[in-house]
Amino acid sequence: MPADTPPSRFPGGGGSLRDPRAHRAALDAAVELLAEVGYAGLTMAAIAARSGVSKPTLYRWWRNVAELVHEAISEPDSGIPPDTGDLETDLRSFVTRLAAYYARPEVAAATPGLICDLMGPQAPRPAAAYPANNVYLDRVNGIFARAAADGRLRPDADTGAAANMVIGAVVSEALGRLWSGRPPIDDPGKTAEGIVSVILRGLAAPDAQGAADEG
């Protein structure tokens, strides 16, 4: 939108009931601006100007920029990933999608600031108040639970720790690239392959591990 073009107004945009078009416009504006100015440079005023939704309305819908951005970059929950019967295939598919998510420019730009603003000691609400934070962890735990029930994991396998390691490895890769000035994850499949191979060597049942070593 040109700077000299007045923002369009959305009917019914104010109040606690969100007009769907205004709501979507605000989220889309946040994503666009993240790619342009980064998270640190993002303001409610800029989102209002880009989206045509007034700043008071934005503040009625979100407490701050962090909460708006969190919703803007969160993916909808599509449920537990398909069960192919092969743990490595299922886990690699999951990690590839997760790595692709963190490769998105707006996600890479927002993640460091969101970690501080939504999960730090000064956060207005506890991290558990944002359900999207747990979506990916729930999904990978579901994959491990199915494999454990089918006897595909060692009886003493700590799947909770493994799930945290999977998520942490992807986030660490994404942030490490950002902090070192490298491009975002450019090959999610390759990233997934490395992470999954390491994780499964510590979890697989003896027969499965032997087969993997022979292969």
C-alpha atoms as a PDB file:
ATOM      1  CA  MET A   1       0.000   0.000   0.000  1.00  0.00           C
ATOM      2  CA  PRO A   2       1.533   3.405  -0.986  1.00  0.00           C
ATOM      3  CA  ALA A   3       2.356   5.647   1.955  1.00  0.00           C
ATOM      4  CA  ASP A   4       0.036   8.408   0.744  1.00  0.00           C
ATOM      5  CA  THR A   5      -2.960   6.089   0.398  1.00  0.00           C
ATOM      6  CA  PRO A   6      -5.274   6.261   3.417  1.00  0.00           C
ATOM      7  CA  PRO A   7      -5.908   2.845   4.949  1.00  0.00           C
ATOM      8  CA  SER A   8      -9.244   1.293   4.123  1.00  0.00           C
ATOM      9  CA  ARG A   9     -11.648   0.710   6.961  1.00  0.00           C
ATOM     10  CA  PHE A  10     -13.316  -2.577   7.758  1.00  0.00           C
ATOM     11  CA  PRO A  11     -16.996  -2.643   8.730  1.00  0.00           C
ATOM     12  CA  GLY A  12     -17.432  -3.941  12.217  1.00  0.00           C
ATOM     13  CA  GLY A  13     -13.697  -3.942  12.816  1.00  0.00           C
ATOM     14  CA  GLY A  14     -13.801  -2.573  16.356  1.00  0.00           C
ATOM     15  CA  GLY A  15     -14.925  -4.059  19.610  1.00  0.00           C
ATOM     16  CA  SER A  16     -14.266  -7.481  21.050  1.00  0.00           C
ATOM     17  CA  LEU A  17     -15.951  -9.314  18.157  1.00  0.00           C
ATOM     18  CA  ARG A  18     -13.331  -9.543  15.426  1.00  0.00           C
ATOM     19  CA  ASP A  19     -14.329  -8.855  11.868  1.00  0.00           C
ATOM     20  CA  PRO A  20     -12.745 -11.786   9.982  1.00  0.00           C
ATOM     21  CA  ARG A  21     -11.398  -9.594   7.193  1.00  0.00           C
ATOM     22  CA  ALA A  22      -9.824  -7.119   9.585  1.00  0.00           C
ATOM     23  CA  HIS A  23      -8.389  -9.904  11.679  1.00  0.00           C
ATOM     24  CA  ARG A  24      -6.801 -11.579   8.646  1.00  0.00           C
ATOM     25  CA  ALA A  25      -5.519  -8.248   7.336  1.00  0.00           C
ATOM     26  CA  ALA A  26      -3.736  -7.530  10.621  1.00  0.00           C
ATOM     27  CA  LEU A  27      -2.058 -10.950  10.659  1.00  0.00           C
ATOM     28  CA  ASP A  28      -1.009 -10.651   7.008  1.00  0.00           C
ATOM     29  CA  ALA A  29       0.377  -7.176   7.619  1.00  0.00           C
ATOM     30  CA  ALA A  30       2.458  -8.452  10.524  1.00  0.00           C
ATOM     31  CA  VAL A  31       3.948 -11.214   8.347  1.00  0.00           C
ATOM     32  CA  GLU A  32       4.784  -8.771   5.551  1.00  0.00           C
ATOM     33  CA  LEU A  33       6.405  -6.288   7.913  1.00  0.00           C
ATOM     34  CA  LEU A  34       8.452  -8.964   9.674  1.00  0.00           C
ATOM     35  CA  ALA A  35      10.182  -9.683   6.375  1.00  0.00           C
ATOM     36  CA  GLU A  36      10.730  -5.976   5.760  1.00  0.00           C
ATOM     37  CA  VAL A  37      11.739  -4.487   9.120  1.00  0.00           C
ATOM     38  CA  GLY A  38      12.328  -7.482  11.384  1.00  0.00           C
ATOM     39  CA  TYR A  39      10.757  -8.203  14.724  1.00  0.00           C
ATOM     40  CA  ALA A  40      12.557  -5.446  16.630  1.00  0.00           C
ATOM     41  CA  GLY A  41      11.324  -2.823  14.170  1.00  0.00           C
ATOM     42  CA  LEU A  42       7.702  -3.967  14.180  1.00  0.00           C
ATOM     43  CA  THR A  43       5.120  -1.741  15.851  1.00  0.00           C
ATOM     44  CA  MET A  44       1.368  -1.727  16.281  1.00  0.00           C
ATOM     45  CA  ALA A  45       1.302   1.600  14.465  1.00  0.00           C
ATOM     46  CA  ALA A  46       2.990   0.075  11.421  1.00  0.00           C
ATOM     47  CA  ILE A  47       0.637  -2.909  11.432  1.00  0.00           C
ATOM     48  CA  ALA A  48      -2.333  -0.558  11.695  1.00  0.00           C
ATOM     49  CA  ALA A  49      -1.109   1.543   8.781  1.00  0.00           C
ATOM     50  CA  ARG A  50      -0.438  -1.488   6.595  1.00  0.00           C
ATOM     51  CA  SER A  51      -3.640  -3.380   7.421  1.00  0.00           C
ATOM     52  CA  GLY A  52      -6.155  -0.554   7.701  1.00  0.00           C
ATOM     53  CA  VAL A  53      -7.171  -1.765  11.164  1.00  0.00           C
ATOM     54  CA  SER A  54      -6.988   0.953  13.797  1.00  0.00           C
ATOM     55  CA  LYS A  55      -4.349   0.730  16.504  1.00  0.00           C
ATOM     56  CA  PRO A  56      -6.942   0.812  19.337  1.00  0.00           C
ATOM     57  CA  THR A  57      -8.679  -2.138  17.685  1.00  0.00           C
ATOM     58  CA  LEU A  58      -5.418  -4.069  17.471  1.00  0.00           C
ATOM     59  CA  TYR A  59      -4.843  -3.499  21.170  1.00  0.00           C
ATOM     60  CA  ARG A  60      -8.335  -4.750  21.943  1.00  0.00           C
ATOM     61  CA  TRP A  61      -7.533  -7.989  20.144  1.00  0.00           C
ATOM     62  CA  TRP A  62      -3.911  -8.479  21.237  1.00  0.00           C
ATOM     63  CA  ARG A  63      -2.084  -7.221  24.306  1.00  0.00           C
ATOM     64  CA  ASN A  64       1.062  -6.357  22.379  1.00  0.00           C
ATOM     65  CA  VAL A  65       3.034  -6.921  19.197  1.00  0.00           C
ATOM     66  CA  ALA A  66       4.398 -10.230  20.505  1.00  0.00           C
ATOM     67  CA  GLU A  67       0.954 -11.781  20.890  1.00  0.00           C
ATOM     68  CA  LEU A  68      -0.111 -10.561  17.449  1.00  0.00           C
ATOM     69  CA  VAL A  69       3.037 -11.940  15.817  1.00  0.00           C
ATOM     70  CA  HIS A  70       2.719 -15.225  17.686  1.00  0.00           C
ATOM     71  CA  GLU A  71      -0.706 -15.762  16.162  1.00  0.00           C
ATOM     72  CA  ALA A  72       0.400 -14.527  12.739  1.00  0.00           C
ATOM     73  CA  ILE A  73       3.191 -17.086  12.384  1.00  0.00           C
ATOM     74  CA  SER A  74       1.527 -20.011  14.169  1.00  0.00           C
ATOM     75  CA  GLU A  75       0.445 -22.870  11.955  1.00  0.00           C
ATOM     76  CA  PRO A  76      -3.020 -24.393  12.337  1.00  0.00           C
ATOM     77  CA  ASP A  77      -3.069 -27.735  14.123  1.00  0.00           C
ATOM     78  CA  SER A  78      -3.580 -30.393  11.468  1.00  0.00           C
ATOM     79  CA  GLY A  79      -3.590 -33.254  13.976  1.00  0.00           C
ATOM     80  CA  ILE A  80      -1.161 -36.089  14.650  1.00  0.00           C
ATOM     81  CA  PRO A  81       0.943 -36.918  11.565  1.00  0.00           C
ATOM     82  CA  PRO A  82      -0.015 -40.008   9.535  1.00  0.00           C
ATOM     83  CA  ASP A  83       1.172 -43.363  10.863  1.00  0.00           C
ATOM     84  CA  THR A  84       3.003 -45.264   8.121  1.00  0.00           C
ATOM     85  CA  GLY A  85       4.135 -47.998  10.495  1.00  0.00           C
ATOM     86  CA  ASP A  86       7.757 -46.922  10.090  1.00  0.00           C
ATOM     87  CA  LEU A  87       9.109 -44.725  12.873  1.00  0.00           C
ATOM     88  CA  GLU A  88      11.973 -43.300  10.822  1.00  0.00           C
ATOM     89  CA  THR A  89       9.660 -42.325   7.968  1.00  0.00           C
ATOM     90  CA  ASP A  90       7.118 -40.722  10.279  1.00  0.00           C
ATOM     91  CA  LEU A  91       9.730 -38.862  12.302  1.00  0.00           C
ATOM     92  CA  ARG A  92      11.629 -37.665   9.248  1.00  0.00           C
ATOM     93  CA  SER A  93       8.404 -36.351   7.710  1.00  0.00           C
ATOM     94  CA  PHE A  94       7.597 -34.500  10.921  1.00  0.00           C
ATOM     95  CA  VAL A  95      11.063 -32.985  11.340  1.00  0.00           C
ATOM     96  CA  THR A  96      11.195 -31.963   7.684  1.00  0.00           C
ATOM     97  CA  ARG A  97       7.965 -30.027   8.098  1.00  0.00           C
ATOM     98  CA  LEU A  98       9.191 -28.458  11.334  1.00  0.00           C
ATOM     99  CA  ALA A  99      12.473 -27.411   9.715  1.00  0.00           C
ATOM    100  CA  ALA A 100      10.547 -25.941   6.770  1.00  0.00           C
ATOM    101  CA  TYR A 101       8.433 -23.941   9.225  1.00  0.00           C
ATOM    102  CA  TYR A 102      11.508 -22.417  10.872  1.00  0.00           C
ATOM    103  CA  ALA A 103      12.966 -21.704   7.433  1.00  0.00           C
ATOM    104  CA  ARG A 104      10.118 -19.307   6.658  1.00  0.00           C
ATOM    105  CA  PRO A 105      11.507 -15.731   6.659  1.00  0.00           C
ATOM    106  CA  GLU A 106       8.866 -14.346   8.995  1.00  0.00           C
ATOM    107  CA  VAL A 107       9.358 -17.174  11.493  1.00  0.00           C
ATOM    108  CA  ALA A 108      13.143 -16.841  11.433  1.00  0.00           C
ATOM    109  CA  ALA A 109      12.810 -13.087  11.957  1.00  0.00           C
ATOM    110  CA  ALA A 110      10.343 -13.375  14.832  1.00  0.00           C
ATOM    111  CA  THR A 111      11.540 -16.366  16.848  1.00  0.00           C
ATOM    112  CA  PRO A 112      14.365 -14.821  18.935  1.00  0.00           C
ATOM    113  CA  GLY A 113      12.251 -11.866  20.016  1.00  0.00           C
ATOM    114  CA  LEU A 114       9.207 -14.007  20.713  1.00  0.00           C
ATOM    115  CA  ILE A 115      11.207 -16.317  22.950  1.00  0.00           C
ATOM    116  CA  CYS A 116      12.152 -13.319  25.088  1.00  0.00           C
ATOM    117  CA  ASP A 117       8.799 -11.556  25.007  1.00  0.00           C
ATOM    118  CA  LEU A 118       6.489 -14.538  25.504  1.00  0.00           C
ATOM    119  CA  MET A 119       8.629 -16.874  27.592  1.00  0.00           C
ATOM    120  CA  GLY A 120      10.962 -14.582  29.529  1.00  0.00           C
ATOM    121  CA  PRO A 121      10.540 -13.445  33.146  1.00  0.00           C
ATOM    122  CA  GLN A 122       8.796 -10.233  32.054  1.00  0.00           C
ATOM    123  CA  ALA A 123       6.199 -12.009  29.903  1.00  0.00           C
ATOM    124  CA  PRO A 124       2.626 -10.857  30.658  1.00  0.00           C
ATOM    125  CA  ARG A 125       1.365 -14.447  30.681  1.00  0.00           C
ATOM    126  CA  PRO A 126       3.060 -17.830  31.179  1.00  0.00           C
ATOM    127  CA  ALA A 127       4.191 -19.620  28.028  1.00  0.00           C
ATOM    128  CA  ALA A 128       1.590 -22.340  28.686  1.00  0.00           C
ATOM    129  CA  ALA A 129      -1.104 -19.739  27.986  1.00  0.00           C
ATOM    130  CA  TYR A 130      -0.223 -19.955  24.291  1.00  0.00           C
ATOM    131  CA  PRO A 131      -1.485 -23.365  23.088  1.00  0.00           C
ATOM    132  CA  ALA A 132       0.395 -23.166  19.778  1.00  0.00           C
ATOM    133  CA  ASN A 133       3.662 -23.466  21.706  1.00  0.00           C
ATOM    134  CA  ASN A 134       2.860 -27.104  22.460  1.00  0.00           C
ATOM    135  CA  VAL A 135       1.489 -28.213  19.082  1.00  0.00           C
ATOM    136  CA  TYR A 136       4.735 -29.566  17.659  1.00  0.00           C
ATOM    137  CA  LEU A 137       5.811 -31.135  20.939  1.00  0.00           C
ATOM    138  CA  ASP A 138       2.462 -32.922  21.186  1.00  0.00           C
ATOM    139  CA  ARG A 139       2.841 -34.198  17.627  1.00  0.00           C
ATOM    140  CA  VAL A 140       6.302 -35.677  18.082  1.00  0.00           C
ATOM    141  CA  ASN A 141       5.273 -37.216  21.399  1.00  0.00           C
ATOM    142  CA  GLY A 142       2.388 -38.849  19.532  1.00  0.00           C
ATOM    143  CA  ILE A 143       4.797 -40.366  17.014  1.00  0.00           C
ATOM    144  CA  PHE A 144       6.994 -41.791  19.771  1.00  0.00           C
ATOM    145  CA  ALA A 145       3.986 -43.083  21.736  1.00  0.00           C
ATOM    146  CA  ARG A 146       2.781 -45.079  18.734  1.00  0.00           C
ATOM    147  CA  ALA A 147       6.234 -46.557  18.179  1.00  0.00           C
ATOM    148  CA  ALA A 148       6.579 -47.480  21.864  1.00  0.00           C
ATOM    149  CA  ALA A 149       3.179 -49.192  21.860  1.00  0.00           C
ATOM    150  CA  ASP A 150       4.241 -51.265  18.835  1.00  0.00           C
ATOM    151  CA  GLY A 151       7.504 -52.363  20.469  1.00  0.00           C
ATOM    152  CA  ARG A 152       9.652 -50.364  18.079  1.00  0.00           C
ATOM    153  CA  LEU A 153      11.524 -48.618  20.900  1.00  0.00           C
ATOM    154  CA  ARG A 154      13.640 -49.857  23.778  1.00  0.00           C
ATOM    155  CA  PRO A 155      11.512 -50.466  26.873  1.00  0.00           C
ATOM    156  CA  ASP A 156      13.525 -47.886  28.814  1.00  0.00           C
ATOM    157  CA  ALA A 157      13.520 -45.279  26.034  1.00  0.00           C
ATOM    158  CA  ASP A 158      12.966 -41.765  27.402  1.00  0.00           C
ATOM    159  CA  THR A 159      10.635 -40.515  24.694  1.00  0.00           C
ATOM    160  CA  GLY A 160       9.891 -37.277  26.530  1.00  0.00           C
ATOM    161  CA  ALA A 161      13.555 -36.302  26.461  1.00  0.00           C
ATOM    162  CA  ALA A 162      13.800 -37.395  22.837  1.00  0.00           C
ATOM    163  CA  ALA A 163      10.814 -35.245  21.869  1.00  0.00           C
ATOM    164  CA  ASN A 164      12.395 -32.212  23.525  1.00  0.00           C
ATOM    165  CA  MET A 165      15.669 -32.956  21.741  1.00  0.00           C
ATOM    166  CA  VAL A 166      13.939 -33.104  18.351  1.00  0.00           C
ATOM    167  CA  ILE A 167      12.266 -29.723  18.827  1.00  0.00           C
ATOM    168  CA  GLY A 168      15.383 -28.220  20.383  1.00  0.00           C
ATOM    169  CA  ALA A 169      17.629 -29.428  17.575  1.00  0.00           C
ATOM    170  CA  VAL A 170      15.493 -27.784  14.903  1.00  0.00           C
ATOM    171  CA  VAL A 171      15.123 -24.509  16.801  1.00  0.00           C
ATOM    172  CA  SER A 172      18.850 -24.476  17.607  1.00  0.00           C
ATOM    173  CA  GLU A 173      19.706 -24.989  13.929  1.00  0.00           C
ATOM    174  CA  ALA A 174      17.389 -22.158  12.899  1.00  0.00           C
ATOM    175  CA  LEU A 175      18.668 -19.733  15.529  1.00  0.00           C
ATOM    176  CA  GLY A 176      22.292 -20.700  15.004  1.00  0.00           C
ATOM    177  CA  ARG A 177      22.003 -19.833  11.335  1.00  0.00           C
ATOM    178  CA  LEU A 178      20.371 -16.518  12.176  1.00  0.00           C
ATOM    179  CA  TRP A 179      22.947 -15.516  14.776  1.00  0.00           C
ATOM    180  CA  SER A 180      25.889 -16.460  12.560  1.00  0.00           C
ATOM    181  CA  GLY A 181      24.523 -14.537   9.581  1.00  0.00           C
ATOM    182  CA  ARG A 182      23.898 -17.645   7.497  1.00  0.00           C
ATOM    183  CA  PRO A 183      20.743 -18.063   5.395  1.00  0.00           C
ATOM    184  CA  PRO A 184      17.713 -19.787   6.979  1.00  0.00           C
ATOM    185  CA  ILE A 185      17.480 -23.581   6.740  1.00  0.00           C
ATOM    186  CA  ASP A 186      17.752 -24.181   3.001  1.00  0.00           C
ATOM    187  CA  ASP A 187      17.292 -27.966   2.902  1.00  0.00           C
ATOM    188  CA  PRO A 188      14.709 -29.076   5.502  1.00  0.00           C
ATOM    189  CA  GLY A 189      14.965 -32.693   4.341  1.00  0.00           C
ATOM    190  CA  LYS A 190      18.718 -32.837   4.910  1.00  0.00           C
ATOM    191  CA  THR A 191      18.335 -31.168   8.305  1.00  0.00           C
ATOM    192  CA  ALA A 192      15.701 -33.739   9.253  1.00  0.00           C
ATOM    193  CA  GLU A 193      17.848 -36.653   8.102  1.00  0.00           C
ATOM    194  CA  GLY A 194      20.714 -35.670  10.382  1.00  0.00           C
ATOM    195  CA  ILE A 195      18.541 -35.068  13.440  1.00  0.00           C
ATOM    196  CA  VAL A 196      16.471 -38.223  13.018  1.00  0.00           C
ATOM    197  CA  SER A 197      19.488 -40.498  12.537  1.00  0.00           C
ATOM    198  CA  VAL A 198      21.028 -39.299  15.805  1.00  0.00           C
ATOM    199  CA  ILE A 199      17.791 -39.531  17.795  1.00  0.00           C
ATOM    200  CA  LEU A 200      16.841 -43.004  16.609  1.00  0.00           C
ATOM    201  CA  ARG A 201      20.211 -44.538  17.467  1.00  0.00           C
ATOM    202  CA  GLY A 202      19.424 -43.819  21.103  1.00  0.00           C
ATOM    203  CA  LEU A 203      15.815 -45.021  21.029  1.00  0.00           C
ATOM    204  CA  ALA A 204      15.539 -47.992  18.701  1.00  0.00           C
ATOM    205  CA  ALA A 205      14.875 -51.456  20.035  1.00  0.00           C
ATOM    206  CA  PRO A 206      17.927 -53.798  19.714  1.00  0.00           C
ATOM    207  CA  ASP A 207      16.620 -55.621  16.625  1.00  0.00           C
ATOM    208  CA  ALA A 208      15.801 -52.366  14.889  1.00  0.00           C
ATOM    209  CA  GLN A 209      19.185 -50.905  15.802  1.00  0.00           C
ATOM    210  CA  GLY A 210      20.979 -53.935  14.423  1.00  0.00           C
ATOM    211  CA  ALA A 211      19.085 -53.687  11.156  1.00  0.00           C
ATOM    212  CA  ALA A 212      19.944 -49.991  10.899  1.00  0.00           C
ATOM    213  CA  ASP A 213      23.655 -50.710  11.470  1.00  0.00           C
ATOM    214  CA  GLU A 214      23.671 -53.457   8.865  1.00  0.00           C
ATOM    215  CA  GLY A 215      21.973 -51.137   6.355  1.00  0.00           C
END
